[in-house]
């Protein structure tokens, strides 16, 4: 099955998301809208591949805000919370396109660093991250995160 004609749309805190995106990213949106440590400094960004009549083929949710401590304290970070592509639209480059658009959006918002946690047990996510130019760093718990080198 090929991917239908679609557009990539970007939504943030003040935008109305498609109902389907609200359902797909319910947990992430709840955190971003109500539990973010500093809602004035942090914003969420949802990037969705939308086909007529508003069907969401896949999407990405990330939070953007200042790093709180350390040598990068105060610099902006884009933290990718979740990337999903519906099974029937996988293996056509949609996940890679969404992640690359996230890099563009993060850069446009002043971020120099992008982080995305994934697990070794998710080879599809690993492949998408590598295609989008992310580097892998292993964590002690057996998982790892991927980080995009300085952008912009």
N, C-alpha and C. Protein backbone atom coordinates (compact mmCIF):
# COMPACT_ATOMS: atom_id res chain seq x y z
N UNK A 1 0.84 -1.18 0.00
CA UNK A 1 0.00 0.00 0.00
C UNK A 1 0.88 1.24 0.00
N UNK A 2 0.58 2.17 -0.87
CA UNK A 2 1.36 3.41 -0.92
C UNK A 2 0.75 4.44 0.03
N UNK A 3 1.56 5.41 0.36
CA UNK A 3 1.10 6.47 1.24
C UNK A 3 0.25 7.45 0.45
N UNK A 4 -0.96 7.77 0.93
CA UNK A 4 -1.81 8.71 0.20
C UNK A 4 -1.23 10.12 0.19
N UNK A 5 -1.73 10.94 -0.72
CA UNK A 5 -1.33 12.35 -0.73
C UNK A 5 -1.62 12.94 0.64
N UNK A 6 -0.67 13.71 1.13
CA UNK A 6 -0.81 14.29 2.47
C UNK A 6 0.02 15.57 2.56
N UNK A 7 -0.20 16.29 3.61
CA UNK A 7 0.61 17.46 3.94
C UNK A 7 1.16 17.26 5.34
N UNK A 8 2.32 17.84 5.61
CA UNK A 8 2.90 17.82 6.95
C UNK A 8 2.50 19.13 7.61
N UNK A 9 1.78 19.04 8.71
CA UNK A 9 1.32 20.23 9.43
C UNK A 9 1.98 20.28 10.81
N UNK A 10 2.24 21.50 11.25
CA UNK A 10 2.87 21.73 12.54
C UNK A 10 1.87 22.45 13.45
N UNK A 11 1.72 21.92 14.66
CA UNK A 11 0.81 22.50 15.65
C UNK A 11 1.59 22.77 16.92
N UNK A 12 1.15 23.79 17.67
CA UNK A 12 1.78 24.09 18.95
C UNK A 12 0.69 24.41 19.97
N UNK A 13 1.09 24.95 21.11
CA UNK A 13 0.19 25.15 22.24
C UNK A 13 -1.12 25.84 21.91
N UNK A 14 -1.09 26.83 21.06
CA UNK A 14 -2.29 27.63 20.80
C UNK A 14 -3.11 27.14 19.62
N UNK A 15 -2.70 26.03 18.99
CA UNK A 15 -3.38 25.53 17.81
C UNK A 15 -4.36 24.42 18.16
N UNK A 16 -5.37 24.27 17.33
CA UNK A 16 -6.31 23.16 17.48
C UNK A 16 -5.80 22.00 16.64
N UNK A 17 -5.53 20.89 17.30
CA UNK A 17 -5.04 19.70 16.62
C UNK A 17 -6.21 18.91 16.05
N UNK A 18 -5.97 18.12 15.00
CA UNK A 18 -7.01 17.22 14.54
C UNK A 18 -7.39 16.26 15.67
N UNK A 19 -8.66 15.89 15.73
CA UNK A 19 -9.14 15.01 16.81
C UNK A 19 -8.33 13.72 16.86
N UNK A 20 -7.96 13.20 15.72
CA UNK A 20 -7.18 11.97 15.67
C UNK A 20 -5.80 12.15 16.31
N UNK A 21 -5.18 13.30 16.11
CA UNK A 21 -3.89 13.59 16.74
C UNK A 21 -4.05 13.72 18.25
N UNK A 22 -5.15 14.31 18.68
CA UNK A 22 -5.44 14.41 20.13
C UNK A 22 -5.47 13.02 20.75
N UNK A 23 -6.08 12.06 20.06
CA UNK A 23 -6.16 10.69 20.58
C UNK A 23 -4.80 9.99 20.52
N UNK A 24 -4.08 10.14 19.41
CA UNK A 24 -2.79 9.47 19.25
C UNK A 24 -1.77 9.93 20.30
N UNK A 25 -1.81 11.21 20.64
CA UNK A 25 -0.82 11.79 21.54
C UNK A 25 -1.44 12.23 22.86
N UNK A 26 -2.48 11.55 23.27
CA UNK A 26 -3.23 11.95 24.48
C UNK A 26 -2.33 12.08 25.71
N UNK A 27 -1.51 11.09 25.99
CA UNK A 27 -0.66 11.13 27.19
C UNK A 27 0.38 12.24 27.10
N UNK A 28 1.02 12.37 25.96
CA UNK A 28 2.06 13.39 25.79
C UNK A 28 1.46 14.79 25.87
N UNK A 29 0.30 14.98 25.25
CA UNK A 29 -0.36 16.29 25.29
C UNK A 29 -0.80 16.64 26.71
N UNK A 30 -1.29 15.65 27.45
CA UNK A 30 -1.71 15.91 28.84
C UNK A 30 -0.53 16.42 29.66
N UNK A 31 0.62 15.78 29.51
CA UNK A 31 1.81 16.23 30.22
C UNK A 31 2.21 17.63 29.77
N UNK A 32 2.28 17.83 28.47
CA UNK A 32 2.74 19.12 27.94
C UNK A 32 1.80 20.26 28.33
N UNK A 33 0.52 19.98 28.40
CA UNK A 33 -0.46 21.03 28.70
C UNK A 33 -0.63 21.30 30.18
N UNK A 34 -0.45 20.29 31.03
CA UNK A 34 -0.78 20.48 32.44
C UNK A 34 0.37 20.27 33.42
N UNK A 35 1.37 19.50 33.04
CA UNK A 35 2.37 19.12 34.02
C UNK A 35 3.77 19.63 33.71
N UNK A 36 3.93 20.34 32.63
CA UNK A 36 5.24 20.85 32.26
C UNK A 36 5.77 21.73 33.39
N UNK A 37 7.03 21.56 33.77
CA UNK A 37 7.57 22.31 34.91
C UNK A 37 7.41 23.82 34.80
N UNK A 38 7.64 24.37 33.65
CA UNK A 38 7.51 25.82 33.46
C UNK A 38 6.77 26.06 32.15
N UNK A 39 5.44 26.14 32.20
CA UNK A 39 4.66 26.27 30.97
C UNK A 39 4.93 27.55 30.18
N UNK A 40 5.51 28.54 30.84
CA UNK A 40 5.85 29.77 30.11
C UNK A 40 7.11 29.57 29.26
N UNK A 41 8.02 28.73 29.72
CA UNK A 41 9.28 28.52 29.02
C UNK A 41 9.23 27.34 28.04
N UNK A 42 8.36 26.38 28.30
CA UNK A 42 8.27 25.17 27.48
C UNK A 42 7.04 25.21 26.59
N UNK A 43 7.20 24.75 25.36
CA UNK A 43 6.10 24.65 24.40
C UNK A 43 6.10 23.24 23.82
N UNK A 44 4.96 22.79 23.36
CA UNK A 44 4.96 21.52 22.64
C UNK A 44 4.83 21.78 21.16
N UNK A 45 5.30 20.84 20.38
CA UNK A 45 5.19 20.89 18.93
C UNK A 45 4.69 19.52 18.47
N UNK A 46 3.58 19.51 17.76
CA UNK A 46 3.07 18.29 17.13
C UNK A 46 3.23 18.46 15.63
N UNK A 47 3.83 17.47 15.01
CA UNK A 47 4.02 17.49 13.56
C UNK A 47 3.26 16.27 13.03
N UNK A 48 2.28 16.52 12.18
CA UNK A 48 1.42 15.44 11.70
C UNK A 48 1.38 15.38 10.19
N UNK A 49 1.38 14.16 9.67
CA UNK A 49 1.13 13.93 8.24
C UNK A 49 -0.38 13.73 8.12
N UNK A 50 -1.03 14.67 7.45
CA UNK A 50 -2.49 14.68 7.38
C UNK A 50 -2.94 14.51 5.93
N UNK A 51 -3.82 13.53 5.71
CA UNK A 51 -4.41 13.28 4.40
C UNK A 51 -5.88 13.70 4.45
N UNK A 52 -6.43 14.11 3.33
CA UNK A 52 -7.85 14.45 3.32
C UNK A 52 -8.67 13.23 3.73
N UNK A 53 -9.71 13.40 4.46
CA UNK A 53 -10.30 14.63 4.99
C UNK A 53 -9.87 14.93 6.42
N UNK A 54 -8.58 14.86 6.70
CA UNK A 54 -8.09 15.13 8.04
C UNK A 54 -7.58 13.88 8.74
N UNK A 55 -7.39 12.81 8.01
CA UNK A 55 -6.87 11.56 8.59
C UNK A 55 -5.38 11.73 8.88
N UNK A 56 -4.97 11.40 10.09
CA UNK A 56 -3.57 11.50 10.50
C UNK A 56 -2.88 10.17 10.18
N UNK A 57 -1.91 10.22 9.27
CA UNK A 57 -1.17 9.03 8.86
C UNK A 57 -0.06 8.69 9.84
N UNK A 58 0.43 9.71 10.49
CA UNK A 58 1.50 9.56 11.47
C UNK A 58 1.81 10.92 12.06
N UNK A 59 2.60 10.91 13.12
CA UNK A 59 2.92 12.18 13.73
C UNK A 59 4.04 12.06 14.75
N UNK A 60 4.45 13.20 15.24
CA UNK A 60 5.54 13.31 16.19
C UNK A 60 5.17 14.37 17.22
N UNK A 61 5.48 14.09 18.48
CA UNK A 61 5.24 15.06 19.55
C UNK A 61 6.58 15.36 20.20
N UNK A 62 6.90 16.65 20.36
CA UNK A 62 8.11 17.04 21.08
C UNK A 62 7.83 18.26 21.94
N UNK A 63 8.62 18.36 23.00
CA UNK A 63 8.58 19.52 23.88
C UNK A 63 9.84 20.32 23.65
N UNK A 64 9.71 21.64 23.70
CA UNK A 64 10.83 22.55 23.44
C UNK A 64 10.96 23.51 24.61
N UNK A 65 12.16 23.58 25.18
CA UNK A 65 12.37 24.50 26.29
C UNK A 65 13.83 24.51 26.72
N UNK A 66 14.13 25.29 27.78
CA UNK A 66 15.52 25.45 28.21
C UNK A 66 16.02 24.26 29.03
N UNK A 67 17.28 23.91 28.81
CA UNK A 67 17.95 22.90 29.63
C UNK A 67 18.15 23.53 31.00
N UNK A 68 17.82 22.81 32.07
CA UNK A 68 17.80 23.40 33.40
C UNK A 68 19.16 23.52 34.07
N UNK A 69 20.13 22.65 33.72
CA UNK A 69 21.39 22.65 34.47
C UNK A 69 22.53 22.15 33.59
N UNK A 70 23.72 22.17 34.15
CA UNK A 70 24.89 21.64 33.46
C UNK A 70 25.51 22.65 32.52
N UNK A 71 26.49 22.18 31.74
CA UNK A 71 27.22 23.09 30.86
C UNK A 71 26.35 23.66 29.74
N UNK A 72 25.22 23.02 29.46
CA UNK A 72 24.32 23.54 28.43
C UNK A 72 23.13 24.26 29.05
N UNK A 73 23.17 24.50 30.34
CA UNK A 73 22.07 25.16 31.04
C UNK A 73 21.64 26.44 30.36
N UNK A 74 20.35 26.57 30.14
CA UNK A 74 19.78 27.75 29.50
C UNK A 74 19.62 27.61 28.00
N UNK A 75 20.40 26.71 27.37
CA UNK A 75 20.22 26.49 25.93
C UNK A 75 18.91 25.74 25.70
N UNK A 76 18.35 25.94 24.52
CA UNK A 76 17.08 25.29 24.20
C UNK A 76 17.28 23.86 23.73
N UNK A 77 16.40 22.99 24.20
CA UNK A 77 16.39 21.57 23.86
C UNK A 77 15.03 21.22 23.26
N UNK A 78 15.05 20.43 22.21
CA UNK A 78 13.82 19.82 21.69
C UNK A 78 13.87 18.36 22.10
N UNK A 79 12.86 17.93 22.83
CA UNK A 79 12.82 16.56 23.32
C UNK A 79 11.67 15.84 22.62
N UNK A 80 12.02 14.90 21.74
CA UNK A 80 11.00 14.14 21.01
C UNK A 80 10.43 13.10 21.97
N UNK A 81 9.14 13.24 22.25
CA UNK A 81 8.46 12.34 23.18
C UNK A 81 7.96 11.09 22.48
N UNK A 82 7.46 11.24 21.26
CA UNK A 82 6.82 10.09 20.61
C UNK A 82 6.75 10.31 19.10
N UNK A 83 7.05 9.27 18.37
CA UNK A 83 6.92 9.26 16.91
C UNK A 83 6.11 8.03 16.55
N UNK A 84 5.07 8.21 15.77
CA UNK A 84 4.23 7.08 15.38
C UNK A 84 3.82 7.23 13.92
N UNK A 85 3.87 6.11 13.22
CA UNK A 85 3.34 6.04 11.86
C UNK A 85 2.40 4.84 11.85
N UNK A 86 1.21 5.04 11.34
CA UNK A 86 0.24 3.95 11.28
C UNK A 86 0.84 2.78 10.49
N UNK A 87 0.60 1.56 10.94
CA UNK A 87 1.22 0.38 10.30
C UNK A 87 1.05 0.33 8.79
N UNK A 88 -0.08 0.70 8.29
CA UNK A 88 -0.33 0.61 6.85
C UNK A 88 0.44 1.66 6.04
N UNK A 89 1.09 2.61 6.72
CA UNK A 89 1.85 3.66 6.02
C UNK A 89 3.34 3.61 6.33
N UNK A 90 3.79 2.54 6.97
CA UNK A 90 5.20 2.40 7.30
C UNK A 90 6.00 1.95 6.08
N UNK A 91 7.31 2.17 6.17
CA UNK A 91 8.27 1.76 5.13
C UNK A 91 8.12 2.55 3.83
N UNK A 92 7.62 3.78 3.95
CA UNK A 92 7.52 4.67 2.78
C UNK A 92 8.21 6.00 3.05
N UNK A 93 9.00 6.09 4.14
CA UNK A 93 9.75 7.31 4.43
C UNK A 93 9.00 8.34 5.26
N UNK A 94 7.79 8.02 5.71
CA UNK A 94 7.00 9.01 6.44
C UNK A 94 7.61 9.33 7.81
N UNK A 95 8.07 8.31 8.53
CA UNK A 95 8.70 8.55 9.84
C UNK A 95 9.94 9.40 9.71
N UNK A 96 10.75 9.11 8.71
CA UNK A 96 11.96 9.90 8.48
C UNK A 96 11.61 11.34 8.13
N UNK A 97 10.58 11.52 7.29
CA UNK A 97 10.15 12.88 6.92
C UNK A 97 9.66 13.64 8.15
N UNK A 98 8.92 12.98 9.03
CA UNK A 98 8.43 13.64 10.24
C UNK A 98 9.59 14.03 11.16
N UNK A 99 10.55 13.13 11.31
CA UNK A 99 11.69 13.43 12.18
C UNK A 99 12.57 14.53 11.60
N UNK A 100 12.76 14.51 10.29
CA UNK A 100 13.54 15.60 9.67
C UNK A 100 12.82 16.94 9.82
N UNK A 101 11.50 16.93 9.71
CA UNK A 101 10.74 18.17 9.90
C UNK A 101 10.86 18.64 11.35
N UNK A 102 10.92 17.69 12.29
CA UNK A 102 11.13 18.06 13.69
C UNK A 102 12.46 18.76 13.88
N UNK A 103 13.50 18.29 13.19
CA UNK A 103 14.81 18.94 13.25
C UNK A 103 14.70 20.37 12.72
N UNK A 104 14.01 20.54 11.60
CA UNK A 104 13.82 21.89 11.04
C UNK A 104 13.07 22.79 12.01
N UNK A 105 11.99 22.27 12.59
CA UNK A 105 11.19 23.06 13.54
C UNK A 105 12.00 23.43 14.77
N UNK A 106 12.76 22.46 15.29
CA UNK A 106 13.57 22.73 16.47
C UNK A 106 14.59 23.83 16.18
N UNK A 107 15.23 23.74 15.03
CA UNK A 107 16.21 24.75 14.65
C UNK A 107 15.54 26.12 14.50
N UNK A 108 14.37 26.15 13.86
CA UNK A 108 13.65 27.41 13.67
C UNK A 108 13.23 28.03 14.99
N UNK A 109 13.05 27.23 16.02
CA UNK A 109 12.64 27.71 17.34
C UNK A 109 13.83 28.03 18.23
N UNK A 110 15.04 27.92 17.68
CA UNK A 110 16.24 28.30 18.43
C UNK A 110 16.92 27.16 19.17
N UNK A 111 16.49 25.94 18.95
CA UNK A 111 17.12 24.79 19.62
C UNK A 111 18.40 24.41 18.91
N UNK A 112 19.40 24.09 19.70
CA UNK A 112 20.65 23.58 19.15
C UNK A 112 20.80 22.10 19.45
N UNK A 113 19.91 21.54 20.26
CA UNK A 113 20.03 20.15 20.69
C UNK A 113 18.66 19.49 20.59
N UNK A 114 18.66 18.23 20.13
CA UNK A 114 17.44 17.45 20.02
C UNK A 114 17.71 16.08 20.61
N UNK A 115 16.81 15.63 21.47
CA UNK A 115 16.97 14.32 22.10
C UNK A 115 15.72 13.50 21.85
N UNK A 116 15.91 12.19 21.65
CA UNK A 116 14.81 11.27 21.39
C UNK A 116 15.19 9.94 22.02
N UNK A 117 14.49 9.51 23.06
CA UNK A 117 14.77 8.23 23.70
C UNK A 117 14.08 7.11 22.95
N UNK A 118 14.83 6.06 22.65
CA UNK A 118 14.27 4.85 22.04
C UNK A 118 14.91 3.64 22.72
N UNK A 119 14.41 2.48 22.43
CA UNK A 119 14.93 1.24 23.01
C UNK A 119 15.62 0.39 21.95
N UNK A 120 16.59 -0.40 22.40
CA UNK A 120 17.27 -1.32 21.49
C UNK A 120 16.28 -2.27 20.84
N UNK A 121 15.18 -2.54 21.52
CA UNK A 121 14.17 -3.49 21.03
C UNK A 121 13.27 -2.89 19.95
N UNK A 122 13.56 -1.68 19.49
CA UNK A 122 12.75 -1.02 18.48
C UNK A 122 13.60 -0.70 17.24
N UNK A 123 13.86 -1.73 16.41
CA UNK A 123 14.74 -1.51 15.26
C UNK A 123 14.19 -0.51 14.25
N UNK A 124 12.88 -0.39 14.14
CA UNK A 124 12.30 0.59 13.21
C UNK A 124 12.66 2.01 13.64
N UNK A 125 12.55 2.29 14.94
CA UNK A 125 12.89 3.62 15.44
C UNK A 125 14.38 3.90 15.26
N UNK A 126 15.21 2.88 15.48
CA UNK A 126 16.65 3.03 15.29
C UNK A 126 16.94 3.42 13.84
N UNK A 127 16.32 2.72 12.90
CA UNK A 127 16.54 2.99 11.48
C UNK A 127 16.11 4.41 11.10
N UNK A 128 14.96 4.83 11.59
CA UNK A 128 14.46 6.18 11.29
C UNK A 128 15.41 7.23 11.85
N UNK A 129 15.86 7.04 13.07
CA UNK A 129 16.77 8.01 13.69
C UNK A 129 18.08 8.10 12.92
N UNK A 130 18.60 6.97 12.53
CA UNK A 130 19.86 6.98 11.76
C UNK A 130 19.68 7.69 10.42
N UNK A 131 18.56 7.43 9.74
CA UNK A 131 18.30 8.09 8.45
C UNK A 131 18.20 9.60 8.61
N UNK A 132 17.72 10.04 9.78
CA UNK A 132 17.57 11.47 10.02
C UNK A 132 18.84 12.10 10.59
N UNK A 133 19.92 11.31 10.73
CA UNK A 133 21.20 11.87 11.14
C UNK A 133 21.46 11.91 12.63
N UNK A 134 20.71 11.14 13.41
CA UNK A 134 20.91 11.12 14.86
C UNK A 134 22.02 10.15 15.24
N UNK A 135 22.74 10.44 16.32
CA UNK A 135 23.77 9.58 16.87
C UNK A 135 23.18 8.81 18.05
N UNK A 136 23.69 7.61 18.32
CA UNK A 136 23.19 6.78 19.40
C UNK A 136 24.12 6.86 20.61
N UNK A 137 23.53 6.90 21.80
CA UNK A 137 24.29 6.87 23.05
C UNK A 137 23.59 5.90 23.99
N UNK A 138 24.31 4.91 24.48
CA UNK A 138 23.73 3.88 25.35
C UNK A 138 23.59 4.40 26.78
N UNK A 139 22.48 4.04 27.41
CA UNK A 139 22.25 4.37 28.81
C UNK A 139 22.49 3.14 29.67
N UNK A 140 22.70 3.33 30.97
CA UNK A 140 22.98 2.22 31.88
C UNK A 140 21.83 1.22 31.98
N UNK A 141 20.59 1.65 31.79
CA UNK A 141 19.45 0.75 31.97
C UNK A 141 19.23 -0.16 30.77
N UNK A 142 20.13 -0.13 29.81
CA UNK A 142 20.00 -1.00 28.65
C UNK A 142 19.27 -0.35 27.49
N UNK A 143 18.62 0.77 27.74
CA UNK A 143 18.00 1.51 26.66
C UNK A 143 19.03 2.48 26.10
N UNK A 144 18.62 3.31 25.20
CA UNK A 144 19.53 4.34 24.75
C UNK A 144 18.73 5.53 24.25
N UNK A 145 19.40 6.63 24.16
CA UNK A 145 18.76 7.78 23.55
C UNK A 145 19.57 8.17 22.34
N UNK A 146 18.91 8.88 21.47
CA UNK A 146 19.59 9.37 20.28
C UNK A 146 19.58 10.88 20.34
N UNK A 147 20.65 11.46 19.94
CA UNK A 147 20.74 12.92 20.00
C UNK A 147 21.26 13.45 18.67
N UNK A 148 20.59 14.44 18.20
CA UNK A 148 21.00 15.10 16.98
C UNK A 148 22.07 16.10 17.35
N UNK A 149 23.23 16.03 16.71
CA UNK A 149 24.25 17.03 16.99
C UNK A 149 23.74 18.44 16.75
N UNK A 150 24.47 19.39 17.20
CA UNK A 150 24.07 20.80 17.08
C UNK A 150 23.44 21.08 15.72
N UNK A 151 22.30 21.74 15.74
CA UNK A 151 21.58 22.09 14.52
C UNK A 151 21.56 23.59 14.37
N UNK A 152 21.16 24.03 13.19
CA UNK A 152 20.97 25.46 12.98
C UNK A 152 22.20 26.15 12.48
